[in-house]
Structures are given as structure tokens and as C-alpha cells.
Full PDB file with SEQRES, HELIX, SHEET, SSBOND, CRYST1, ORIGX, SCALE, CONECT and MASTER records, all heavy atoms in Angstrom:
SEQRES   1 A   33  ARG TYR GLN VAL PHE VAL PRO ALA THR ALA ALA THR PRO          
SEQRES   2 A   33  PRO GLY ALA ARG PRO LEU VAL LEU PHE LEU HIS GLY SER          
SEQRES   3 A   33  GLY GLU ARG GLY ASP ASP GLY                                  
HELIX    1 AA1 THR A    9  ALA A   11  5                                   3    
HELIX    2 AA2 SER A   26  GLU A   28  5                                   3    
CRYST1    1.000    1.000    1.000  90.00  90.00  90.00 P 1           1          
ORIGX1      1.000000  0.000000  0.000000        0.00000                         
ORIGX2      0.000000  1.000000  0.000000        0.00000                         
ORIGX3      0.000000  0.000000  1.000000        0.00000                         
SCALE1      1.000000  0.000000  0.000000        0.00000                         
SCALE2      0.000000  1.000000  0.000000        0.00000                         
SCALE3      0.000000  0.000000  1.000000        0.00000                         
ATOM      1  N   ARG A   1      10.645  -1.830  -8.189  1.00  0.00           N  
ATOM      2  CA  ARG A   1       9.332  -2.499  -8.150  1.00  0.00           C  
ATOM      3  C   ARG A   1       8.645  -2.128  -6.824  1.00  0.00           C  
ATOM      4  O   ARG A   1       9.322  -2.146  -5.772  1.00  0.00           O  
ATOM      5  CB  ARG A   1       9.450  -3.998  -8.357  1.00  0.00           C  
ATOM      6  CG  ARG A   1       9.893  -4.370  -9.779  1.00  0.00           C  
ATOM      7  CD  ARG A   1       9.953  -5.911  -9.827  1.00  0.00           C  
ATOM      8  NE  ARG A   1      10.335  -6.376 -11.179  1.00  0.00           N  
ATOM      9  CZ  ARG A   1      11.582  -6.579 -11.541  1.00  0.00           C  
ATOM     10  NH1 ARG A   1      12.566  -6.460 -10.656  1.00  0.00           N  
ATOM     11  NH2 ARG A   1      11.899  -6.922 -12.782  1.00  0.00           N  
ATOM     12  N   TYR A   2       7.277  -1.999  -6.819  1.00  0.00           N  
ATOM     13  CA  TYR A   2       6.594  -1.725  -5.591  1.00  0.00           C  
ATOM     14  C   TYR A   2       5.176  -2.310  -5.688  1.00  0.00           C  
ATOM     15  O   TYR A   2       4.738  -2.590  -6.826  1.00  0.00           O  
ATOM     16  CB  TYR A   2       6.633  -0.276  -5.210  1.00  0.00           C  
ATOM     17  CG  TYR A   2       5.934   0.685  -6.182  1.00  0.00           C  
ATOM     18  CD1 TYR A   2       4.568   1.072  -5.883  1.00  0.00           C  
ATOM     19  CD2 TYR A   2       6.527   1.170  -7.355  1.00  0.00           C  
ATOM     20  CE1 TYR A   2       3.941   1.950  -6.776  1.00  0.00           C  
ATOM     21  CE2 TYR A   2       5.915   2.026  -8.155  1.00  0.00           C  
ATOM     22  CZ  TYR A   2       4.547   2.473  -7.925  1.00  0.00           C  
ATOM     23  OH  TYR A   2       3.959   3.309  -8.763  1.00  0.00           O  
ATOM     24  N   GLN A   3       4.525  -2.417  -4.556  1.00  0.00           N  
ATOM     25  CA  GLN A   3       3.155  -2.884  -4.533  1.00  0.00           C  
ATOM     26  C   GLN A   3       2.280  -1.815  -3.980  1.00  0.00           C  
ATOM     27  O   GLN A   3       2.710  -1.021  -3.187  1.00  0.00           O  
ATOM     28  CB  GLN A   3       3.064  -4.127  -3.631  1.00  0.00           C  
ATOM     29  CG  GLN A   3       3.753  -5.406  -4.168  1.00  0.00           C  
ATOM     30  CD  GLN A   3       2.910  -6.109  -5.221  1.00  0.00           C  
ATOM     31  OE1 GLN A   3       1.691  -6.089  -5.185  1.00  0.00           O  
ATOM     32  NE2 GLN A   3       3.543  -6.791  -6.135  1.00  0.00           N  
ATOM     33  N   VAL A   4       1.011  -1.865  -4.373  1.00  0.00           N  
ATOM     34  CA  VAL A   4      -0.042  -0.972  -3.847  1.00  0.00           C  
ATOM     35  C   VAL A   4      -1.239  -1.825  -3.492  1.00  0.00           C  
ATOM     36  O   VAL A   4      -1.675  -2.635  -4.288  1.00  0.00           O  
ATOM     37  CB  VAL A   4      -0.478   0.102  -4.841  1.00  0.00           C  
ATOM     38  CG1 VAL A   4      -1.564   1.009  -4.264  1.00  0.00           C  
ATOM     39  CG2 VAL A   4       0.707   0.923  -5.323  1.00  0.00           C  
ATOM     40  N   PHE A   5      -1.648  -1.658  -2.201  1.00  0.00           N  
ATOM     41  CA  PHE A   5      -2.886  -2.337  -1.780  1.00  0.00           C  
ATOM     42  C   PHE A   5      -4.057  -1.363  -2.134  1.00  0.00           C  
ATOM     43  O   PHE A   5      -4.025  -0.244  -1.619  1.00  0.00           O  
ATOM     44  CB  PHE A   5      -2.869  -2.673  -0.312  1.00  0.00           C  
ATOM     45  CG  PHE A   5      -4.183  -3.174   0.231  1.00  0.00           C  
ATOM     46  CD1 PHE A   5      -4.550  -4.539  -0.016  1.00  0.00           C  
ATOM     47  CD2 PHE A   5      -5.088  -2.338   0.868  1.00  0.00           C  
ATOM     48  CE1 PHE A   5      -5.733  -5.046   0.442  1.00  0.00           C  
ATOM     49  CE2 PHE A   5      -6.272  -2.812   1.247  1.00  0.00           C  
ATOM     50  CZ  PHE A   5      -6.639  -4.145   1.093  1.00  0.00           C  
ATOM     51  N   VAL A   6      -4.990  -1.837  -2.902  1.00  0.00           N  
ATOM     52  CA  VAL A   6      -6.153  -1.056  -3.250  1.00  0.00           C  
ATOM     53  C   VAL A   6      -7.378  -1.620  -2.511  1.00  0.00           C  
ATOM     54  O   VAL A   6      -7.719  -2.786  -2.646  1.00  0.00           O  
ATOM     55  CB  VAL A   6      -6.436  -1.072  -4.824  1.00  0.00           C  
ATOM     56  CG1 VAL A   6      -7.551  -0.210  -5.144  1.00  0.00           C  
ATOM     57  CG2 VAL A   6      -5.171  -0.763  -5.507  1.00  0.00           C  
ATOM     58  N   PRO A   7      -7.947  -0.780  -1.614  1.00  0.00           N  
ATOM     59  CA  PRO A   7      -9.011  -1.258  -0.764  1.00  0.00           C  
ATOM     60  C   PRO A   7     -10.262  -1.587  -1.526  1.00  0.00           C  
ATOM     61  O   PRO A   7     -10.536  -1.045  -2.645  1.00  0.00           O  
ATOM     62  CB  PRO A   7      -9.236  -0.144   0.239  1.00  0.00           C  
ATOM     63  CG  PRO A   7      -8.791   1.054  -0.540  1.00  0.00           C  
ATOM     64  CD  PRO A   7      -7.636   0.659  -1.401  1.00  0.00           C  
ATOM     65  N   ALA A   8     -11.101  -2.422  -0.932  1.00  0.00           N  
ATOM     66  CA  ALA A   8     -12.420  -2.676  -1.527  1.00  0.00           C  
ATOM     67  C   ALA A   8     -13.250  -1.354  -1.527  1.00  0.00           C  
ATOM     68  O   ALA A   8     -13.119  -0.502  -0.611  1.00  0.00           O  
ATOM     69  CB  ALA A   8     -13.205  -3.714  -0.670  1.00  0.00           C  
ATOM     70  N   THR A   9     -14.038  -1.170  -2.556  1.00  0.00           N  
ATOM     71  CA  THR A   9     -14.795   0.047  -2.691  1.00  0.00           C  
ATOM     72  C   THR A   9     -15.652   0.328  -1.470  1.00  0.00           C  
ATOM     73  O   THR A   9     -15.764   1.483  -0.990  1.00  0.00           O  
ATOM     74  CB  THR A   9     -15.648   0.030  -3.961  1.00  0.00           C  
ATOM     75  OG1 THR A   9     -14.825  -0.287  -5.088  1.00  0.00           O  
ATOM     76  CG2 THR A   9     -16.385   1.342  -4.184  1.00  0.00           C  
ATOM     77  N   ALA A  10     -16.326  -0.727  -0.952  1.00  0.00           N  
ATOM     78  CA  ALA A  10     -17.217  -0.523   0.188  1.00  0.00           C  
ATOM     79  C   ALA A  10     -16.473  -0.116   1.490  1.00  0.00           C  
ATOM     80  O   ALA A  10     -17.084   0.372   2.417  1.00  0.00           O  
ATOM     81  CB  ALA A  10     -17.963  -1.797   0.462  1.00  0.00           C  
ATOM     82  N   ALA A  11     -15.141  -0.372   1.567  1.00  0.00           N  
ATOM     83  CA  ALA A  11     -14.421  -0.060   2.790  1.00  0.00           C  
ATOM     84  C   ALA A  11     -13.917   1.367   2.848  1.00  0.00           C  
ATOM     85  O   ALA A  11     -13.527   1.824   3.878  1.00  0.00           O  
ATOM     86  CB  ALA A  11     -13.215  -0.984   2.849  1.00  0.00           C  
ATOM     87  N   THR A  12     -14.009   2.128   1.715  1.00  0.00           N  
ATOM     88  CA  THR A  12     -13.448   3.431   1.660  1.00  0.00           C  
ATOM     89  C   THR A  12     -14.526   4.444   1.673  1.00  0.00           C  
ATOM     90  O   THR A  12     -15.639   4.249   1.231  1.00  0.00           O  
ATOM     91  CB  THR A  12     -12.592   3.662   0.454  1.00  0.00           C  
ATOM     92  OG1 THR A  12     -13.380   3.386  -0.683  1.00  0.00           O  
ATOM     93  CG2 THR A  12     -11.368   2.732   0.432  1.00  0.00           C  
ATOM     94  N   PRO A  13     -14.273   5.612   2.336  1.00  0.00           N  
ATOM     95  CA  PRO A  13     -15.296   6.731   2.367  1.00  0.00           C  
ATOM     96  C   PRO A  13     -15.446   7.314   0.968  1.00  0.00           C  
ATOM     97  O   PRO A  13     -14.608   7.119   0.092  1.00  0.00           O  
ATOM     98  CB  PRO A  13     -14.700   7.688   3.378  1.00  0.00           C  
ATOM     99  CG  PRO A  13     -13.206   7.451   3.306  1.00  0.00           C  
ATOM    100  CD  PRO A  13     -13.091   6.011   3.074  1.00  0.00           C  
ATOM    101  N   PRO A  14     -16.531   8.026   0.723  1.00  0.00           N  
ATOM    102  CA  PRO A  14     -16.761   8.696  -0.567  1.00  0.00           C  
ATOM    103  C   PRO A  14     -15.570   9.652  -0.859  1.00  0.00           C  
ATOM    104  O   PRO A  14     -14.951  10.250   0.035  1.00  0.00           O  
ATOM    105  CB  PRO A  14     -18.086   9.485  -0.366  1.00  0.00           C  
ATOM    106  CG  PRO A  14     -18.682   8.740   0.781  1.00  0.00           C  
ATOM    107  CD  PRO A  14     -17.653   8.253   1.643  1.00  0.00           C  
ATOM    108  N   GLY A  15     -15.279   9.841  -2.126  1.00  0.00           N  
ATOM    109  CA  GLY A  15     -14.239  10.787  -2.563  1.00  0.00           C  
ATOM    110  C   GLY A  15     -12.881  10.130  -2.540  1.00  0.00           C  
ATOM    111  O   GLY A  15     -12.702   8.924  -2.629  1.00  0.00           O  
ATOM    112  N   ALA A  16     -11.854  10.994  -2.433  1.00  0.00           N  
ATOM    113  CA  ALA A  16     -10.432  10.517  -2.507  1.00  0.00           C  
ATOM    114  C   ALA A  16     -10.181   9.671  -1.275  1.00  0.00           C  
ATOM    115  O   ALA A  16     -10.684   9.926  -0.214  1.00  0.00           O  
ATOM    116  CB  ALA A  16      -9.539  11.721  -2.539  1.00  0.00           C  
ATOM    117  N   ARG A  17      -9.241   8.685  -1.501  1.00  0.00           N  
ATOM    118  CA  ARG A  17      -8.990   7.702  -0.452  1.00  0.00           C  
ATOM    119  C   ARG A  17      -7.767   8.032   0.415  1.00  0.00           C  
ATOM    120  O   ARG A  17      -6.797   8.609  -0.178  1.00  0.00           O  
ATOM    121  CB  ARG A  17      -8.788   6.344  -1.062  1.00  0.00           C  
ATOM    122  CG  ARG A  17     -10.038   5.795  -1.819  1.00  0.00           C  
ATOM    123  CD  ARG A  17      -9.767   4.538  -2.543  1.00  0.00           C  
ATOM    124  NE  ARG A  17      -9.197   4.755  -3.824  1.00  0.00           N  
ATOM    125  CZ  ARG A  17      -9.108   3.963  -4.879  1.00  0.00           C  
ATOM    126  NH1 ARG A  17      -9.666   2.790  -4.666  1.00  0.00           N  
ATOM    127  NH2 ARG A  17      -8.508   4.227  -5.897  1.00  0.00           N  
ATOM    128  N   PRO A  18      -7.802   7.707   1.627  1.00  0.00           N  
ATOM    129  CA  PRO A  18      -6.591   7.877   2.440  1.00  0.00           C  
ATOM    130  C   PRO A  18      -5.537   6.932   1.898  1.00  0.00           C  
ATOM    131  O   PRO A  18      -5.760   5.899   1.342  1.00  0.00           O  
ATOM    132  CB  PRO A  18      -6.982   7.576   3.866  1.00  0.00           C  
ATOM    133  CG  PRO A  18      -8.256   6.766   3.735  1.00  0.00           C  
ATOM    134  CD  PRO A  18      -8.909   7.210   2.513  1.00  0.00           C  
ATOM    135  N   LEU A  19      -4.201   7.269   2.248  1.00  0.00           N  
ATOM    136  CA  LEU A  19      -3.162   6.405   1.825  1.00  0.00           C  
ATOM    137  C   LEU A  19      -2.104   6.290   2.897  1.00  0.00           C  
ATOM    138  O   LEU A  19      -1.694   7.286   3.657  1.00  0.00           O  
ATOM    139  CB  LEU A  19      -2.468   7.067   0.585  1.00  0.00           C  
ATOM    140  CG  LEU A  19      -1.246   6.343  -0.071  1.00  0.00           C  
ATOM    141  CD1 LEU A  19      -1.227   6.614  -1.564  1.00  0.00           C  
ATOM    142  CD2 LEU A  19       0.041   6.715   0.604  1.00  0.00           C  
ATOM    143  N   VAL A  20      -1.629   5.081   3.080  1.00  0.00           N  
ATOM    144  CA  VAL A  20      -0.603   4.747   4.093  1.00  0.00           C  
ATOM    145  C   VAL A  20       0.676   4.367   3.315  1.00  0.00           C  
ATOM    146  O   VAL A  20       0.653   3.495   2.500  1.00  0.00           O  
ATOM    147  CB  VAL A  20      -0.980   3.633   5.017  1.00  0.00           C  
ATOM    148  CG1 VAL A  20       0.159   3.305   5.955  1.00  0.00           C  
ATOM    149  CG2 VAL A  20      -2.263   3.982   5.771  1.00  0.00           C  
ATOM    150  N   LEU A  21       1.777   5.083   3.561  1.00  0.00           N  
ATOM    151  CA  LEU A  21       3.038   4.705   2.996  1.00  0.00           C  
ATOM    152  C   LEU A  21       3.857   3.870   4.056  1.00  0.00           C  
ATOM    153  O   LEU A  21       4.059   4.308   5.126  1.00  0.00           O  
ATOM    154  CB  LEU A  21       3.902   5.977   2.652  1.00  0.00           C  
ATOM    155  CG  LEU A  21       5.355   5.727   2.153  1.00  0.00           C  
ATOM    156  CD1 LEU A  21       5.315   4.941   0.821  1.00  0.00           C  
ATOM    157  CD2 LEU A  21       6.097   7.073   1.970  1.00  0.00           C  
ATOM    158  N   PHE A  22       4.087   2.607   3.604  1.00  0.00           N  
ATOM    159  CA  PHE A  22       4.738   1.695   4.635  1.00  0.00           C  
ATOM    160  C   PHE A  22       6.201   1.458   4.184  1.00  0.00           C  
ATOM    161  O   PHE A  22       6.455   1.101   3.021  1.00  0.00           O  
ATOM    162  CB  PHE A  22       3.996   0.349   4.607  1.00  0.00           C  
ATOM    163  CG  PHE A  22       4.716  -0.758   5.353  1.00  0.00           C  
ATOM    164  CD1 PHE A  22       4.733  -0.704   6.747  1.00  0.00           C  
ATOM    165  CD2 PHE A  22       5.374  -1.753   4.708  1.00  0.00           C  
ATOM    166  CE1 PHE A  22       5.386  -1.749   7.427  1.00  0.00           C  
ATOM    167  CE2 PHE A  22       6.058  -2.757   5.381  1.00  0.00           C  
ATOM    168  CZ  PHE A  22       6.080  -2.721   6.758  1.00  0.00           C  
ATOM    169  N   LEU A  23       7.132   1.513   5.170  1.00  0.00           N  
ATOM    170  CA  LEU A  23       8.559   1.329   4.918  1.00  0.00           C  
ATOM    171  C   LEU A  23       8.925   0.078   5.664  1.00  0.00           C  
ATOM    172  O   LEU A  23       8.826   0.010   6.883  1.00  0.00           O  
ATOM    173  CB  LEU A  23       9.330   2.550   5.351  1.00  0.00           C  
ATOM    174  CG  LEU A  23       9.001   3.892   4.772  1.00  0.00           C  
ATOM    175  CD1 LEU A  23       9.914   4.959   5.257  1.00  0.00           C  
ATOM    176  CD2 LEU A  23       8.987   3.875   3.215  1.00  0.00           C  
ATOM    177  N   HIS A  24       9.451  -0.900   4.865  1.00  0.00           N  
ATOM    178  CA  HIS A  24       9.816  -2.160   5.454  1.00  0.00           C  
ATOM    179  C   HIS A  24      11.129  -2.159   6.219  1.00  0.00           C  
ATOM    180  O   HIS A  24      11.873  -1.163   6.243  1.00  0.00           O  
ATOM    181  CB  HIS A  24       9.912  -3.193   4.294  1.00  0.00           C  
ATOM    182  CG  HIS A  24      11.035  -2.902   3.327  1.00  0.00           C  
ATOM    183  ND1 HIS A  24      12.355  -3.118   3.611  1.00  0.00           N  
ATOM    184  CD2 HIS A  24      11.049  -2.353   2.082  1.00  0.00           C  
ATOM    185  CE1 HIS A  24      13.119  -2.792   2.544  1.00  0.00           C  
ATOM    186  NE2 HIS A  24      12.330  -2.282   1.599  1.00  0.00           N  
ATOM    187  N   GLY A  25      11.438  -3.312   6.865  1.00  0.00           N  
ATOM    188  CA  GLY A  25      12.668  -3.484   7.596  1.00  0.00           C  
ATOM    189  C   GLY A  25      13.800  -4.142   6.851  1.00  0.00           C  
ATOM    190  O   GLY A  25      13.638  -4.378   5.597  1.00  0.00           O  
ATOM    191  N   SER A  26      14.918  -4.386   7.496  1.00  0.00           N  
ATOM    192  CA  SER A  26      16.056  -4.929   6.786  1.00  0.00           C  
ATOM    193  C   SER A  26      15.776  -6.200   6.062  1.00  0.00           C  
ATOM    194  O   SER A  26      16.407  -6.474   4.952  1.00  0.00           O  
ATOM    195  CB  SER A  26      17.242  -5.146   7.797  1.00  0.00           C  
ATOM    196  OG  SER A  26      17.590  -3.829   8.414  1.00  0.00           O  
ATOM    197  N   GLY A  27      14.960  -7.087   6.644  1.00  0.00           N  
ATOM    198  CA  GLY A  27      14.796  -8.443   6.063  1.00  0.00           C  
ATOM    199  C   GLY A  27      14.031  -8.415   4.743  1.00  0.00           C  
ATOM    200  O   GLY A  27      13.986  -9.455   4.116  1.00  0.00           O  
ATOM    201  N   GLU A  28      13.383  -7.337   4.461  1.00  0.00           N  
ATOM    202  CA  GLU A  28      12.562  -7.240   3.169  1.00  0.00           C  
ATOM    203  C   GLU A  28      13.188  -6.538   2.061  1.00  0.00           C  
ATOM    204  O   GLU A  28      12.592  -6.233   1.086  1.00  0.00           O  
ATOM    205  CB  GLU A  28      11.198  -6.616   3.546  1.00  0.00           C  
ATOM    206  CG  GLU A  28      10.337  -7.502   4.501  1.00  0.00           C  
ATOM    207  CD  GLU A  28      10.811  -7.446   5.915  1.00  0.00           C  
ATOM    208  OE1 GLU A  28      10.899  -6.295   6.502  1.00  0.00           O  
ATOM    209  OE2 GLU A  28      11.129  -8.597   6.442  1.00  0.00           O  
ATOM    210  N   ARG A  29      14.519  -6.262   2.211  1.00  0.00           N  
ATOM    211  CA  ARG A  29      15.173  -5.585   1.127  1.00  0.00           C  
ATOM    212  C   ARG A  29      15.337  -6.517  -0.113  1.00  0.00           C  
ATOM    213  O   ARG A  29      15.322  -7.710  -0.011  1.00  0.00           O  
ATOM    214  CB  ARG A  29      16.566  -5.110   1.577  1.00  0.00           C  
ATOM    215  CG  ARG A  29      16.521  -3.961   2.563  1.00  0.00           C  
ATOM    216  CD  ARG A  29      17.861  -3.563   3.092  1.00  0.00           C  
ATOM    217  NE  ARG A  29      18.461  -4.501   3.971  1.00  0.00           N  
ATOM    218  CZ  ARG A  29      19.619  -4.289   4.645  1.00  0.00           C  
ATOM    219  NH1 ARG A  29      20.251  -3.199   4.599  1.00  0.00           N  
ATOM    220  NH2 ARG A  29      20.039  -5.234   5.475  1.00  0.00           N  
ATOM    221  N   GLY A  30      15.507  -5.853  -1.316  1.00  0.00           N  
ATOM    222  CA  GLY A  30      15.674  -6.647  -2.544  1.00  0.00           C  
ATOM    223  C   GLY A  30      15.166  -5.914  -3.677  1.00  0.00           C  
ATOM    224  O   GLY A  30      15.037  -4.691  -3.691  1.00  0.00           O  
ATOM    225  N   ASP A  31      14.790  -6.669  -4.770  1.00  0.00           N  
ATOM    226  CA  ASP A  31      14.262  -6.014  -6.026  1.00  0.00           C  
ATOM    227  C   ASP A  31      13.052  -6.722  -6.568  1.00  0.00           C  
ATOM    228  O   ASP A  31      12.677  -6.442  -7.707  1.00  0.00           O  
ATOM    229  CB  ASP A  31      15.397  -5.893  -7.044  1.00  0.00           C  
ATOM    230  CG  ASP A  31      15.935  -7.266  -7.436  1.00  0.00           C  
ATOM    231  OD1 ASP A  31      15.394  -8.329  -6.971  1.00  0.00           O  
ATOM    232  OD2 ASP A  31      16.827  -7.317  -8.235  1.00  0.00           O  
ATOM    233  N   ASP A  32      12.441  -7.568  -5.779  1.00  0.00           N  
ATOM    234  CA  ASP A  32      11.302  -8.350  -6.302  1.00  0.00           C  
ATOM    235  C   ASP A  32       9.955  -7.581  -6.110  1.00  0.00           C  
ATOM    236  O   ASP A  32       8.968  -7.913  -6.791  1.00  0.00           O  
ATOM    237  CB  ASP A  32      11.182  -9.667  -5.617  1.00  0.00           C  
ATOM    238  CG  ASP A  32      10.892  -9.616  -4.069  1.00  0.00           C  
ATOM    239  OD1 ASP A  32      11.081  -8.517  -3.615  1.00  0.00           O  
ATOM    240  OD2 ASP A  32      10.563 -10.632  -3.468  1.00  0.00           O  
ATOM    241  N   GLY A  33       9.946  -6.563  -5.309  1.00  0.00           N  
ATOM    242  CA  GLY A  33       8.741  -5.828  -5.015  1.00  0.00           C  
ATOM    243  C   GLY A  33       7.762  -6.490  -4.170  1.00  0.00           C  
ATOM    244  O   GLY A  33       6.716  -5.925  -3.845  1.00  0.00           O  
TER     245      GLY A  33                                                      
MASTER        0    0    0    2    0    0    0    6  244    1    0    3          
END                                                                             
């Protein structure tokens, strides 16, 4: 399971959107997403 934050339309530039891949630390391991 994973989550995606989708930005508000007004906050993103025209066209394709930039993307940040975030890797959590040890305390956030699990399977709840």
C-alpha cells in the first residue's frame, strides 16, 4: 500500500507535474500505507 499527494490544480504549473518520491524512516515501517 502507498499514498500519493495530489496537489491543488492552481498550485502546479501548466503541463506535466513535478513529482517527489519520499522514503520514510524506521518508525514508519508497516503495511497500512
